[in-house]
Amino acid sequence: MKVMISAFVAALVIAYTAPAVLNQFGWSSADQTSAESVRLD
């Protein structure tokens, strides 16, 4: 039971800190969405 709870807490911590860590390395989702979009019409 303790292992399940600690794994859940670890997953929450990773999910909470992942965006900040990725932004430090320059892998932000905002950069991907601000790229030129390709129109398919």
C-alpha atoms as a PDB file:
ATOM      1  CA  MET A   1       0.000   0.000   0.000  1.00  0.00           C
ATOM      2  CA  LYS A   2       2.812   2.394   0.833  1.00  0.00           C
ATOM      3  CA  VAL A   3       4.412   1.672  -2.526  1.00  0.00           C
ATOM      4  CA  MET A   4       1.218   2.531  -4.388  1.00  0.00           C
ATOM      5  CA  ILE A   5       0.806   5.808  -2.525  1.00  0.00           C
ATOM      6  CA  SER A   6       4.442   6.803  -2.983  1.00  0.00           C
ATOM      7  CA  ALA A   7       4.249   5.969  -6.705  1.00  0.00           C
ATOM      8  CA  PHE A   8       1.136   8.124  -7.041  1.00  0.00           C
ATOM      9  CA  VAL A   9       2.823  11.019  -5.243  1.00  0.00           C
ATOM     10  CA  ALA A  10       5.890  10.634  -7.458  1.00  0.00           C
ATOM     11  CA  ALA A  11       3.685  10.748 -10.569  1.00  0.00           C
ATOM     12  CA  LEU A  12       2.033  13.942  -9.338  1.00  0.00           C
ATOM     13  CA  VAL A  13       5.412  15.560  -8.652  1.00  0.00           C
ATOM     14  CA  ILE A  14       6.686  14.612 -12.103  1.00  0.00           C
ATOM     15  CA  ALA A  15       3.522  15.896 -13.787  1.00  0.00           C
ATOM     16  CA  TYR A  16       3.747  19.165 -11.849  1.00  0.00           C
ATOM     17  CA  THR A  17       7.452  19.833 -12.453  1.00  0.00           C
ATOM     18  CA  ALA A  18       7.747  18.515 -16.029  1.00  0.00           C
ATOM     19  CA  PRO A  19       6.636  21.738 -17.817  1.00  0.00           C
ATOM     20  CA  ALA A  20       9.145  23.895 -15.930  1.00  0.00           C
ATOM     21  CA  VAL A  21      11.978  21.435 -16.530  1.00  0.00           C
ATOM     22  CA  LEU A  22      11.146  21.137 -20.213  1.00  0.00           C
ATOM     23  CA  ASN A  23      11.011  24.922 -20.578  1.00  0.00           C
ATOM     24  CA  GLN A  24      14.505  25.174 -19.096  1.00  0.00           C
ATOM     25  CA  PHE A  25      15.768  22.818 -21.777  1.00  0.00           C
ATOM     26  CA  GLY A  26      13.843  24.676 -24.499  1.00  0.00           C
ATOM     27  CA  TRP A  27      11.283  21.939 -25.168  1.00  0.00           C
ATOM     28  CA  SER A  28       8.142  23.947 -24.589  1.00  0.00           C
ATOM     29  CA  SER A  29       4.838  23.156 -26.245  1.00  0.00           C
ATOM     30  CA  ALA A  30       4.344  26.861 -26.904  1.00  0.00           C
ATOM     31  CA  ASP A  31       7.265  26.828 -29.328  1.00  0.00           C
ATOM     32  CA  GLN A  32       5.688  23.980 -31.251  1.00  0.00           C
ATOM     33  CA  THR A  33       2.265  25.615 -31.485  1.00  0.00           C
ATOM     34  CA  SER A  34       3.706  29.012 -32.464  1.00  0.00           C
ATOM     35  CA  ALA A  35       5.477  27.532 -35.491  1.00  0.00           C
ATOM     36  CA  GLU A  36       4.080  28.257 -38.916  1.00  0.00           C
ATOM     37  CA  SER A  37       1.016  26.165 -39.496  1.00  0.00           C
ATOM     38  CA  VAL A  38       0.553  24.308 -42.731  1.00  0.00           C
ATOM     39  CA  ARG A  39      -2.793  24.907 -44.384  1.00  0.00           C
ATOM     40  CA  LEU A  40      -4.284  21.936 -46.149  1.00  0.00           C
ATOM     41  CA  ASP A  41      -6.962  23.646 -48.172  1.00  0.00           C
END
